[in-house]
């Protein structure tokens, strides 16, 4: 494996998701994590990994040119996923099978994987212009490194959310409901502005 090639695409991956201009992916992760308390940090990591699983599938398929959707459609669908995640967070108890104020873990995991599929198509539009032409083995290295770079960047974002949640809950004495409503509302606002742009 070409270590320089791997390092280049790993860096491209984490820089892409941490780029302030790519705040749509950040907004989705923030919305996804809004309902969890700091002590549920393992769930946050699993949700980020579920998101990676979803976008890895479509990113690989798009990178191998097996699947391709119009860029405009993908760029519109991404904020739709953010809005739906935000709405999911605030569905009242007893509605749509919701048995408690926090979402069913299996449902949240599947939501992250499913919406990750759409975000993977968005990543592929960026990655496609950055791929080095060459052997198929090099293409797979580029795709793997880019995916791992995105996962690394996502974990940094989740760490930031976790630290903010600690300050909010333990120092600011913010209630879970208020935190969820605020974060979900912020994410929904970002999503709507992106959809209308």
N, C-alpha and C. Protein backbone atom coordinates (compact mmCIF):
# COMPACT_ATOMS: atom_id res chain seq x y z
N UNK A 1 0.85 -1.19 0.00
CA UNK A 1 0.00 0.00 0.00
C UNK A 1 0.89 1.24 0.00
N UNK A 2 0.57 2.18 -0.87
CA UNK A 2 1.32 3.43 -0.97
C UNK A 2 0.95 4.32 0.22
N UNK A 3 1.89 4.48 1.15
CA UNK A 3 1.59 5.23 2.38
C UNK A 3 1.36 6.71 2.10
N UNK A 4 2.08 7.28 1.12
CA UNK A 4 1.87 8.69 0.77
C UNK A 4 0.49 8.91 0.18
N UNK A 5 0.05 7.98 -0.66
CA UNK A 5 -1.28 8.07 -1.26
C UNK A 5 -2.34 7.95 -0.18
N UNK A 6 -2.16 7.00 0.74
CA UNK A 6 -3.10 6.80 1.83
C UNK A 6 -3.18 8.07 2.69
N UNK A 7 -2.03 8.60 3.05
CA UNK A 7 -1.99 9.79 3.92
C UNK A 7 -2.66 10.98 3.24
N UNK A 8 -2.46 11.12 1.94
CA UNK A 8 -3.06 12.23 1.19
C UNK A 8 -4.58 12.17 1.25
N UNK A 9 -5.13 10.98 1.02
CA UNK A 9 -6.59 10.84 0.98
C UNK A 9 -7.21 10.79 2.37
N UNK A 10 -6.46 10.30 3.34
CA UNK A 10 -6.92 10.37 4.74
C UNK A 10 -7.07 11.84 5.14
N UNK A 11 -6.07 12.64 4.78
CA UNK A 11 -6.11 14.07 5.09
C UNK A 11 -7.25 14.76 4.35
N UNK A 12 -7.44 14.41 3.07
CA UNK A 12 -8.56 14.97 2.31
C UNK A 12 -9.89 14.67 2.99
N UNK A 13 -10.03 13.45 3.53
CA UNK A 13 -11.27 13.04 4.18
C UNK A 13 -11.58 13.87 5.41
N UNK A 14 -10.62 13.97 6.33
CA UNK A 14 -10.94 14.70 7.56
C UNK A 14 -11.00 16.21 7.32
N UNK A 15 -10.21 16.71 6.37
CA UNK A 15 -10.30 18.14 6.07
C UNK A 15 -11.65 18.48 5.43
N UNK A 16 -12.16 17.56 4.62
CA UNK A 16 -13.43 17.83 3.96
C UNK A 16 -14.57 17.93 4.96
N UNK A 17 -14.63 17.02 5.92
CA UNK A 17 -15.75 17.06 6.88
C UNK A 17 -15.56 18.13 7.95
N UNK A 18 -14.32 18.54 8.21
CA UNK A 18 -14.08 19.59 9.20
C UNK A 18 -14.05 20.99 8.57
N UNK A 19 -14.15 21.06 7.25
CA UNK A 19 -14.16 22.33 6.56
C UNK A 19 -15.43 23.10 6.93
N UNK A 20 -15.30 24.33 7.46
CA UNK A 20 -16.50 25.10 7.81
C UNK A 20 -17.47 25.28 6.64
N UNK A 21 -16.96 25.23 5.41
CA UNK A 21 -17.83 25.35 4.24
C UNK A 21 -18.69 24.10 4.06
N UNK A 22 -18.28 22.99 4.68
CA UNK A 22 -19.06 21.76 4.58
C UNK A 22 -19.90 21.52 5.82
N UNK A 23 -20.47 22.59 6.34
CA UNK A 23 -21.21 22.49 7.61
C UNK A 23 -22.49 21.68 7.51
N UNK A 24 -22.92 21.32 6.29
CA UNK A 24 -24.12 20.50 6.17
C UNK A 24 -23.92 19.13 6.81
N UNK A 25 -22.76 18.52 6.61
CA UNK A 25 -22.48 17.22 7.22
C UNK A 25 -22.33 17.36 8.74
N UNK A 26 -21.72 18.46 9.17
CA UNK A 26 -21.60 18.71 10.61
C UNK A 26 -22.99 18.86 11.24
N UNK A 27 -23.87 19.59 10.55
CA UNK A 27 -25.22 19.82 11.08
C UNK A 27 -25.97 18.51 11.25
N UNK A 28 -25.75 17.57 10.32
CA UNK A 28 -26.42 16.27 10.44
C UNK A 28 -25.91 15.52 11.67
N UNK A 29 -24.60 15.50 11.86
CA UNK A 29 -24.04 14.81 13.03
C UNK A 29 -24.54 15.45 14.34
N UNK A 30 -24.60 16.77 14.35
CA UNK A 30 -25.08 17.47 15.54
C UNK A 30 -26.52 17.09 15.83
N UNK A 31 -27.35 17.06 14.77
CA UNK A 31 -28.76 16.68 14.95
C UNK A 31 -28.86 15.24 15.45
N UNK A 32 -28.03 14.38 14.92
CA UNK A 32 -28.06 12.97 15.29
C UNK A 32 -27.71 12.77 16.77
N UNK A 33 -26.83 13.61 17.29
CA UNK A 33 -26.35 13.46 18.66
C UNK A 33 -27.16 14.24 19.69
N UNK A 34 -28.14 15.02 19.24
CA UNK A 34 -28.83 15.98 20.12
C UNK A 34 -29.57 15.33 21.29
N UNK A 35 -29.99 14.09 21.16
CA UNK A 35 -30.83 13.49 22.19
C UNK A 35 -30.04 12.69 23.24
N UNK A 36 -28.72 12.69 23.12
CA UNK A 36 -27.93 11.86 24.03
C UNK A 36 -27.19 12.69 25.07
N UNK A 37 -27.13 12.17 26.28
CA UNK A 37 -26.43 12.81 27.39
C UNK A 37 -24.94 12.48 27.32
N UNK A 38 -24.10 13.28 28.01
CA UNK A 38 -22.65 13.02 27.97
C UNK A 38 -22.26 11.60 28.36
N UNK A 39 -22.99 11.02 29.32
CA UNK A 39 -22.64 9.65 29.75
C UNK A 39 -22.99 8.59 28.71
N UNK A 40 -23.70 8.99 27.68
CA UNK A 40 -24.03 8.06 26.59
C UNK A 40 -23.06 8.21 25.42
N UNK A 41 -21.80 8.55 25.73
CA UNK A 41 -20.81 8.83 24.70
C UNK A 41 -20.56 7.65 23.77
N UNK A 42 -20.73 6.42 24.26
CA UNK A 42 -20.52 5.26 23.39
C UNK A 42 -21.55 5.24 22.27
N UNK A 43 -22.77 5.65 22.58
CA UNK A 43 -23.81 5.71 21.55
C UNK A 43 -23.46 6.76 20.49
N UNK A 44 -22.87 7.87 20.93
CA UNK A 44 -22.48 8.90 19.98
C UNK A 44 -21.45 8.36 18.99
N UNK A 45 -20.48 7.61 19.52
CA UNK A 45 -19.44 7.03 18.64
C UNK A 45 -20.06 6.02 17.69
N UNK A 46 -20.98 5.18 18.19
CA UNK A 46 -21.63 4.19 17.33
C UNK A 46 -22.47 4.86 16.25
N UNK A 47 -23.11 5.99 16.59
CA UNK A 47 -23.91 6.69 15.58
C UNK A 47 -23.01 7.27 14.49
N UNK A 48 -21.87 7.84 14.89
CA UNK A 48 -20.92 8.35 13.89
C UNK A 48 -20.43 7.22 13.00
N UNK A 49 -20.19 6.04 13.59
CA UNK A 49 -19.73 4.88 12.82
C UNK A 49 -20.84 4.37 11.90
N UNK A 50 -22.09 4.42 12.37
CA UNK A 50 -23.22 4.01 11.52
C UNK A 50 -23.33 4.94 10.32
N UNK A 51 -23.14 6.23 10.56
CA UNK A 51 -23.15 7.22 9.48
C UNK A 51 -22.03 6.91 8.48
N UNK A 52 -20.84 6.56 9.02
CA UNK A 52 -19.71 6.20 8.16
C UNK A 52 -20.03 4.95 7.33
N UNK A 53 -20.66 3.97 7.95
CA UNK A 53 -21.03 2.75 7.24
C UNK A 53 -21.92 3.08 6.05
N UNK A 54 -22.92 3.92 6.29
CA UNK A 54 -23.83 4.29 5.21
C UNK A 54 -23.13 5.04 4.09
N UNK A 55 -22.36 6.09 4.45
CA UNK A 55 -21.75 6.87 3.37
C UNK A 55 -20.60 6.14 2.70
N UNK A 56 -20.00 5.15 3.41
CA UNK A 56 -18.93 4.36 2.78
C UNK A 56 -19.47 3.54 1.62
N UNK A 57 -20.66 2.99 1.80
CA UNK A 57 -21.26 2.15 0.75
C UNK A 57 -21.46 2.95 -0.52
N UNK A 58 -22.14 4.10 -0.40
CA UNK A 58 -22.42 4.86 -1.63
C UNK A 58 -21.17 5.56 -2.15
N UNK A 59 -20.26 5.93 -1.26
CA UNK A 59 -19.03 6.57 -1.72
C UNK A 59 -18.21 5.59 -2.56
N UNK A 60 -18.13 4.34 -2.11
CA UNK A 60 -17.41 3.32 -2.88
C UNK A 60 -18.12 3.05 -4.21
N UNK A 61 -19.45 2.89 -4.16
CA UNK A 61 -20.20 2.62 -5.39
C UNK A 61 -20.06 3.78 -6.38
N UNK A 62 -20.11 5.01 -5.85
CA UNK A 62 -19.96 6.17 -6.73
C UNK A 62 -18.52 6.30 -7.23
N UNK A 63 -17.56 6.00 -6.35
CA UNK A 63 -16.15 6.07 -6.75
C UNK A 63 -15.81 5.07 -7.84
N UNK A 64 -16.47 3.91 -7.79
CA UNK A 64 -16.26 2.89 -8.82
C UNK A 64 -17.19 3.11 -10.02
N UNK A 65 -17.94 4.22 -10.00
CA UNK A 65 -18.85 4.62 -11.07
C UNK A 65 -19.98 3.61 -11.29
N UNK A 66 -20.40 2.94 -10.22
CA UNK A 66 -21.52 2.00 -10.29
C UNK A 66 -22.83 2.74 -10.11
N UNK A 67 -22.80 3.80 -9.31
CA UNK A 67 -24.00 4.60 -9.07
C UNK A 67 -23.64 6.07 -9.20
N UNK A 68 -24.57 6.84 -9.78
CA UNK A 68 -24.34 8.27 -9.91
C UNK A 68 -25.68 8.98 -9.97
N UNK A 69 -25.84 10.01 -9.15
CA UNK A 69 -27.05 10.82 -9.16
C UNK A 69 -26.67 12.26 -9.48
N UNK A 70 -27.60 13.03 -10.04
CA UNK A 70 -27.29 14.44 -10.33
C UNK A 70 -26.87 15.18 -9.07
N UNK A 71 -25.81 15.96 -9.17
CA UNK A 71 -25.28 16.69 -8.02
C UNK A 71 -26.31 17.58 -7.36
N UNK A 72 -27.16 18.25 -8.14
CA UNK A 72 -28.16 19.15 -7.58
C UNK A 72 -29.15 18.40 -6.69
N UNK A 73 -29.53 17.19 -7.13
CA UNK A 73 -30.47 16.39 -6.35
C UNK A 73 -29.83 15.98 -5.02
N UNK A 74 -28.58 15.52 -5.08
CA UNK A 74 -27.88 15.08 -3.87
C UNK A 74 -27.72 16.26 -2.90
N UNK A 75 -27.34 17.41 -3.44
CA UNK A 75 -27.14 18.58 -2.58
C UNK A 75 -28.45 19.05 -1.94
N UNK A 76 -29.58 18.74 -2.55
CA UNK A 76 -30.88 19.07 -1.95
C UNK A 76 -31.29 18.00 -0.93
N UNK A 77 -30.97 16.74 -1.22
CA UNK A 77 -31.35 15.66 -0.31
C UNK A 77 -30.58 15.71 1.01
N UNK A 78 -29.35 16.20 0.99
CA UNK A 78 -28.55 16.26 2.22
C UNK A 78 -29.23 17.10 3.30
N UNK A 79 -29.66 18.36 3.00
CA UNK A 79 -30.37 19.10 4.04
C UNK A 79 -31.72 18.47 4.42
N UNK A 80 -32.33 17.72 3.50
CA UNK A 80 -33.56 17.00 3.85
C UNK A 80 -33.27 16.00 4.96
N UNK A 81 -32.12 15.31 4.89
CA UNK A 81 -31.76 14.35 5.93
C UNK A 81 -31.54 15.05 7.27
N UNK A 82 -30.96 16.24 7.22
CA UNK A 82 -30.74 17.01 8.46
C UNK A 82 -32.08 17.38 9.07
N UNK A 83 -32.99 17.87 8.24
CA UNK A 83 -34.31 18.28 8.73
C UNK A 83 -35.07 17.09 9.32
N UNK A 84 -35.03 15.96 8.63
CA UNK A 84 -35.73 14.77 9.13
C UNK A 84 -35.13 14.27 10.45
N UNK A 85 -33.81 14.34 10.57
CA UNK A 85 -33.17 13.93 11.83
C UNK A 85 -33.59 14.86 12.97
N UNK A 86 -33.66 16.16 12.67
CA UNK A 86 -34.08 17.13 13.69
C UNK A 86 -35.53 16.89 14.11
N UNK A 87 -36.40 16.61 13.13
CA UNK A 87 -37.81 16.34 13.43
C UNK A 87 -37.93 15.05 14.26
N UNK A 88 -37.16 14.04 13.88
CA UNK A 88 -37.17 12.75 14.60
C UNK A 88 -36.86 12.95 16.08
N UNK A 89 -35.94 13.88 16.35
CA UNK A 89 -35.53 14.14 17.74
C UNK A 89 -36.67 14.66 18.61
N UNK A 90 -37.62 15.35 18.01
CA UNK A 90 -38.65 16.03 18.82
C UNK A 90 -40.04 15.40 18.67
N UNK A 91 -40.10 14.22 18.05
CA UNK A 91 -41.39 13.52 17.98
C UNK A 91 -41.82 13.19 19.41
N UNK A 92 -43.04 13.58 19.78
CA UNK A 92 -43.48 13.35 21.16
C UNK A 92 -43.58 11.87 21.50
N UNK A 93 -43.43 11.60 22.78
CA UNK A 93 -43.58 10.24 23.29
C UNK A 93 -44.97 9.71 22.94
N UNK A 94 -45.02 8.47 22.48
CA UNK A 94 -46.29 7.85 22.12
C UNK A 94 -46.66 7.99 20.65
N UNK A 95 -45.91 8.82 19.92
CA UNK A 95 -46.18 9.01 18.49
C UNK A 95 -45.24 8.14 17.66
N UNK A 96 -45.76 7.58 16.60
CA UNK A 96 -44.97 6.79 15.64
C UNK A 96 -44.12 5.73 16.33
N UNK A 97 -44.70 5.11 17.34
CA UNK A 97 -44.00 4.02 18.03
C UNK A 97 -42.99 4.48 19.04
N UNK A 98 -42.89 5.81 19.28
CA UNK A 98 -41.93 6.33 20.26
C UNK A 98 -42.42 5.98 21.65
N UNK A 99 -41.63 5.20 22.40
CA UNK A 99 -42.04 4.75 23.74
C UNK A 99 -41.41 5.58 24.85
N UNK A 100 -40.42 6.40 24.48
CA UNK A 100 -39.78 7.25 25.48
C UNK A 100 -39.33 8.53 24.81
N UNK A 101 -38.78 9.44 25.61
CA UNK A 101 -38.37 10.74 25.07
C UNK A 101 -37.13 10.63 24.19
N UNK A 102 -36.36 9.56 24.33
CA UNK A 102 -35.20 9.36 23.44
C UNK A 102 -35.53 8.29 22.42
N UNK A 103 -34.95 8.40 21.23
CA UNK A 103 -35.30 7.45 20.17
C UNK A 103 -34.81 6.04 20.46
N UNK A 104 -35.53 5.09 19.90
CA UNK A 104 -35.11 3.71 19.97
C UNK A 104 -33.71 3.59 19.36
N UNK A 105 -32.81 2.91 20.06
CA UNK A 105 -31.40 2.85 19.61
C UNK A 105 -31.28 2.23 18.23
N UNK A 106 -32.02 1.14 17.99
CA UNK A 106 -31.95 0.48 16.69
C UNK A 106 -32.42 1.42 15.58
N UNK A 107 -33.49 2.15 15.85
CA UNK A 107 -34.03 3.10 14.87
C UNK A 107 -33.01 4.20 14.57
N UNK A 108 -32.37 4.72 15.62
CA UNK A 108 -31.38 5.78 15.44
C UNK A 108 -30.19 5.27 14.61
N UNK A 109 -29.76 4.04 14.88
CA UNK A 109 -28.64 3.45 14.14
C UNK A 109 -29.00 3.31 12.66
N UNK A 110 -30.20 2.77 12.39
CA UNK A 110 -30.64 2.59 11.00
C UNK A 110 -30.82 3.94 10.30
N UNK A 111 -31.30 4.92 11.04
CA UNK A 111 -31.46 6.27 10.49
C UNK A 111 -30.10 6.82 10.06
N UNK A 112 -29.10 6.64 10.92
CA UNK A 112 -27.75 7.13 10.62
C UNK A 112 -27.17 6.42 9.39
N UNK A 113 -27.38 5.11 9.30
CA UNK A 113 -26.88 4.36 8.13
C UNK A 113 -27.61 4.83 6.87
N UNK A 114 -28.94 4.90 6.94
CA UNK A 114 -29.74 5.28 5.77
C UNK A 114 -29.42 6.66 5.26
N UNK A 115 -29.34 7.63 6.16
CA UNK A 115 -29.03 8.99 5.73
C UNK A 115 -27.57 9.11 5.32
N UNK A 116 -26.72 8.24 5.89
CA UNK A 116 -25.32 8.21 5.46
C UNK A 116 -25.18 7.83 3.99
N UNK A 117 -26.09 6.99 3.51
CA UNK A 117 -26.07 6.62 2.09
C UNK A 117 -26.18 7.87 1.21
N UNK A 118 -27.04 8.79 1.60
CA UNK A 118 -27.23 10.02 0.82
C UNK A 118 -26.00 10.91 0.94
N UNK A 119 -25.47 11.05 2.15
CA UNK A 119 -24.29 11.90 2.33
C UNK A 119 -23.08 11.34 1.57
N UNK A 120 -23.02 10.01 1.43
CA UNK A 120 -21.93 9.41 0.66
C UNK A 120 -21.92 9.86 -0.78
N UNK A 121 -23.11 10.06 -1.34
CA UNK A 121 -23.19 10.57 -2.71
C UNK A 121 -22.67 12.00 -2.77
N UNK A 122 -22.92 12.76 -1.69
CA UNK A 122 -22.39 14.12 -1.63
C UNK A 122 -20.88 14.12 -1.53
N UNK A 123 -20.32 13.23 -0.69
CA UNK A 123 -18.87 13.11 -0.58
C UNK A 123 -18.26 12.71 -1.92
N UNK A 124 -18.99 11.84 -2.66
CA UNK A 124 -18.43 11.33 -3.91
C UNK A 124 -18.27 12.43 -4.95
N UNK A 125 -19.15 13.43 -4.92
CA UNK A 125 -19.02 14.54 -5.87
C UNK A 125 -17.71 15.28 -5.64
N UNK A 126 -17.33 15.43 -4.36
CA UNK A 126 -16.05 16.06 -4.03
C UNK A 126 -14.89 15.14 -4.39
N UNK A 127 -15.01 13.87 -3.99
CA UNK A 127 -13.91 12.92 -4.16
C UNK A 127 -13.61 12.66 -5.64
N UNK A 128 -14.66 12.58 -6.45
CA UNK A 128 -14.48 12.24 -7.85
C UNK A 128 -13.50 13.19 -8.54
N UNK A 129 -13.55 14.47 -8.16
CA UNK A 129 -12.66 15.45 -8.79
C UNK A 129 -11.23 15.37 -8.23
N UNK A 130 -11.05 14.59 -7.16
CA UNK A 130 -9.74 14.51 -6.51
C UNK A 130 -9.02 13.19 -6.75
N UNK A 131 -9.69 12.24 -7.39
CA UNK A 131 -9.09 10.91 -7.57
C UNK A 131 -7.95 10.94 -8.57
N UNK A 132 -6.90 10.19 -8.24
CA UNK A 132 -5.80 10.01 -9.18
C UNK A 132 -6.17 8.87 -10.13
N UNK A 133 -6.07 9.09 -11.43
CA UNK A 133 -6.32 7.97 -12.33
C UNK A 133 -5.24 6.91 -12.16
N UNK A 134 -5.61 5.67 -12.37
CA UNK A 134 -4.61 4.60 -12.24
C UNK A 134 -5.26 3.27 -12.03
N UNK A 135 -4.50 2.37 -11.42
CA UNK A 135 -4.96 1.01 -11.23
C UNK A 135 -6.12 0.96 -10.24
N UNK A 136 -6.92 -0.09 -10.36
CA UNK A 136 -8.07 -0.25 -9.48
C UNK A 136 -7.63 -0.36 -8.02
N UNK A 137 -6.48 -0.99 -7.77
CA UNK A 137 -5.99 -1.14 -6.40
C UNK A 137 -5.72 0.23 -5.78
N UNK A 138 -5.22 1.18 -6.57
CA UNK A 138 -4.97 2.52 -6.07
C UNK A 138 -6.29 3.24 -5.78
N UNK A 139 -7.29 2.98 -6.60
CA UNK A 139 -8.60 3.58 -6.38
C UNK A 139 -9.17 3.11 -5.04
N UNK A 140 -9.03 1.82 -4.74
CA UNK A 140 -9.53 1.28 -3.48
C UNK A 140 -8.79 1.88 -2.29
N UNK A 141 -7.47 2.10 -2.42
CA UNK A 141 -6.69 2.74 -1.36
C UNK A 141 -7.20 4.16 -1.13
N UNK A 142 -7.45 4.88 -2.21
CA UNK A 142 -7.95 6.25 -2.11
C UNK A 142 -9.31 6.29 -1.42
N UNK A 143 -10.21 5.39 -1.80
CA UNK A 143 -11.54 5.34 -1.20
C UNK A 143 -11.47 4.96 0.28
N UNK A 144 -10.65 3.97 0.61
CA UNK A 144 -10.50 3.54 2.00
C UNK A 144 -9.94 4.67 2.86
N UNK A 145 -8.88 5.29 2.38
CA UNK A 145 -8.24 6.36 3.15
C UNK A 145 -9.18 7.55 3.32
N UNK A 146 -9.92 7.90 2.28
CA UNK A 146 -10.85 9.03 2.36
C UNK A 146 -11.94 8.73 3.39
N UNK A 147 -12.50 7.51 3.35
CA UNK A 147 -13.52 7.11 4.32
C UNK A 147 -13.00 7.16 5.75
N UNK A 148 -11.80 6.65 5.97
CA UNK A 148 -11.22 6.66 7.31
C UNK A 148 -10.95 8.09 7.77
N UNK A 149 -10.55 8.94 6.83
CA UNK A 149 -10.34 10.35 7.16
C UNK A 149 -11.64 11.02 7.57
N UNK A 150 -12.72 10.70 6.87
CA UNK A 150 -14.03 11.24 7.24
C UNK A 150 -14.44 10.75 8.62
N UNK A 151 -14.24 9.47 8.90
CA UNK A 151 -14.58 8.92 10.21
C UNK A 151 -13.78 9.63 11.31
N UNK A 152 -12.50 9.86 11.07
CA UNK A 152 -11.67 10.57 12.04
C UNK A 152 -12.21 11.97 12.29
N UNK A 153 -12.57 12.67 11.21
CA UNK A 153 -13.13 14.02 11.34
C UNK A 153 -14.46 14.01 12.08
N UNK A 154 -15.28 12.99 11.81
CA UNK A 154 -16.56 12.87 12.50
C UNK A 154 -16.37 12.67 13.99
N UNK A 155 -15.40 11.87 14.36
CA UNK A 155 -15.14 11.63 15.78
C UNK A 155 -14.68 12.91 16.48
N UNK A 156 -13.97 13.77 15.77
CA UNK A 156 -13.58 15.07 16.33
C UNK A 156 -14.83 15.93 16.56
N UNK A 157 -15.76 15.91 15.59
CA UNK A 157 -17.01 16.65 15.73
C UNK A 157 -17.82 16.11 16.91
N UNK A 158 -17.92 14.79 17.00
CA UNK A 158 -18.67 14.17 18.11
C UNK A 158 -18.02 14.52 19.45
N UNK A 159 -16.68 14.54 19.50
CA UNK A 159 -15.98 14.94 20.71
C UNK A 159 -16.36 16.37 21.10
N UNK A 160 -16.41 17.25 20.11
CA UNK A 160 -16.81 18.64 20.36
C UNK A 160 -18.23 18.73 20.90
N UNK A 161 -19.15 17.96 20.32
CA UNK A 161 -20.54 17.93 20.79
C UNK A 161 -20.59 17.41 22.23
N UNK A 162 -19.81 16.37 22.50
CA UNK A 162 -19.77 15.77 23.84
C UNK A 162 -19.29 16.77 24.88
N UNK A 163 -18.22 17.52 24.54
CA UNK A 163 -17.69 18.53 25.47
C UNK A 163 -18.74 19.64 25.70
N UNK A 164 -19.38 20.10 24.64
CA UNK A 164 -20.44 21.10 24.79
C UNK A 164 -21.58 20.59 25.66
N UNK A 165 -21.93 19.33 25.47
CA UNK A 165 -23.01 18.73 26.26
C UNK A 165 -22.63 18.67 27.74
N UNK A 166 -21.38 18.35 28.04
CA UNK A 166 -20.92 18.33 29.43
C UNK A 166 -21.08 19.72 30.06
N UNK A 167 -20.63 20.74 29.34
CA UNK A 167 -20.78 22.11 29.86
C UNK A 167 -22.25 22.47 30.04
N UNK A 168 -23.06 22.11 29.04
CA UNK A 168 -24.48 22.47 29.10
C UNK A 168 -25.20 21.77 30.25
N UNK A 169 -24.99 20.46 30.40
CA UNK A 169 -25.71 19.69 31.41
C UNK A 169 -25.17 19.88 32.82
N UNK A 170 -23.84 19.84 32.95
CA UNK A 170 -23.26 19.83 34.30
C UNK A 170 -22.96 21.21 34.85
N UNK A 171 -22.59 22.14 33.99
CA UNK A 171 -22.26 23.48 34.46
C UNK A 171 -23.45 24.42 34.26
N UNK A 172 -24.05 24.36 33.05
CA UNK A 172 -25.18 25.23 32.77
C UNK A 172 -26.51 24.71 33.30
N UNK A 173 -26.51 23.47 33.81
CA UNK A 173 -27.72 22.85 34.36
C UNK A 173 -28.88 22.85 33.35
N UNK A 174 -28.54 22.71 32.08
CA UNK A 174 -29.56 22.65 31.03
C UNK A 174 -30.27 21.31 31.10
N UNK A 175 -31.58 21.33 30.90
CA UNK A 175 -32.37 20.11 30.90
C UNK A 175 -32.27 19.42 29.53
N UNK A 176 -32.40 18.09 29.52
CA UNK A 176 -32.30 17.32 28.28
C UNK A 176 -33.28 17.81 27.22
N UNK A 177 -34.52 18.09 27.61
CA UNK A 177 -35.54 18.53 26.65
C UNK A 177 -35.13 19.85 26.00
N UNK A 178 -34.64 20.78 26.80
CA UNK A 178 -34.22 22.09 26.27
C UNK A 178 -33.05 21.94 25.32
N UNK A 179 -32.08 21.08 25.71
CA UNK A 179 -30.91 20.83 24.86
C UNK A 179 -31.34 20.23 23.52
N UNK A 180 -32.19 19.23 23.57
CA UNK A 180 -32.65 18.57 22.35
C UNK A 180 -33.39 19.54 21.44
N UNK A 181 -34.28 20.35 22.03
CA UNK A 181 -35.04 21.32 21.24
C UNK A 181 -34.13 22.37 20.62
N UNK A 182 -33.16 22.86 21.40
CA UNK A 182 -32.26 23.89 20.89
C UNK A 182 -31.40 23.36 19.74
N UNK A 183 -30.74 22.22 19.97
CA UNK A 183 -29.84 21.65 18.96
C UNK A 183 -30.63 21.23 17.71
N UNK A 184 -31.79 20.62 17.92
CA UNK A 184 -32.61 20.18 16.79
C UNK A 184 -33.13 21.38 16.01
N UNK A 185 -33.54 22.43 16.74
CA UNK A 185 -34.01 23.65 16.07
C UNK A 185 -32.91 24.32 15.27
N UNK A 186 -31.71 24.36 15.83
CA UNK A 186 -30.56 24.94 15.13
C UNK A 186 -30.28 24.15 13.85
N UNK A 187 -30.28 22.82 13.97
CA UNK A 187 -30.02 21.95 12.80
C UNK A 187 -31.10 22.11 11.75
N UNK A 188 -32.36 22.19 12.20
CA UNK A 188 -33.48 22.34 11.27
C UNK A 188 -33.37 23.68 10.54
N UNK A 189 -32.98 24.72 11.26
CA UNK A 189 -32.81 26.04 10.63
C UNK A 189 -31.76 26.01 9.56
N UNK A 190 -30.62 25.36 9.84
CA UNK A 190 -29.55 25.22 8.85
C UNK A 190 -30.07 24.46 7.62
N UNK A 191 -30.80 23.35 7.89
CA UNK A 191 -31.31 22.52 6.80
C UNK A 191 -32.27 23.32 5.90
N UNK A 192 -33.17 24.05 6.51
CA UNK A 192 -34.15 24.82 5.72
C UNK A 192 -33.45 25.90 4.88
N UNK A 193 -32.46 26.56 5.49
CA UNK A 193 -31.73 27.59 4.73
C UNK A 193 -30.98 26.98 3.55
N UNK A 194 -30.43 25.78 3.73
CA UNK A 194 -29.74 25.10 2.63
C UNK A 194 -30.72 24.67 1.54
N UNK A 195 -31.89 24.21 1.95
CA UNK A 195 -32.89 23.78 0.97
C UNK A 195 -33.41 24.94 0.13
N UNK A 196 -33.47 26.12 0.75
CA UNK A 196 -34.00 27.29 0.06
C UNK A 196 -32.93 28.06 -0.72
N UNK A 197 -31.66 27.72 -0.49
CA UNK A 197 -30.56 28.45 -1.14
C UNK A 197 -30.52 28.20 -2.64
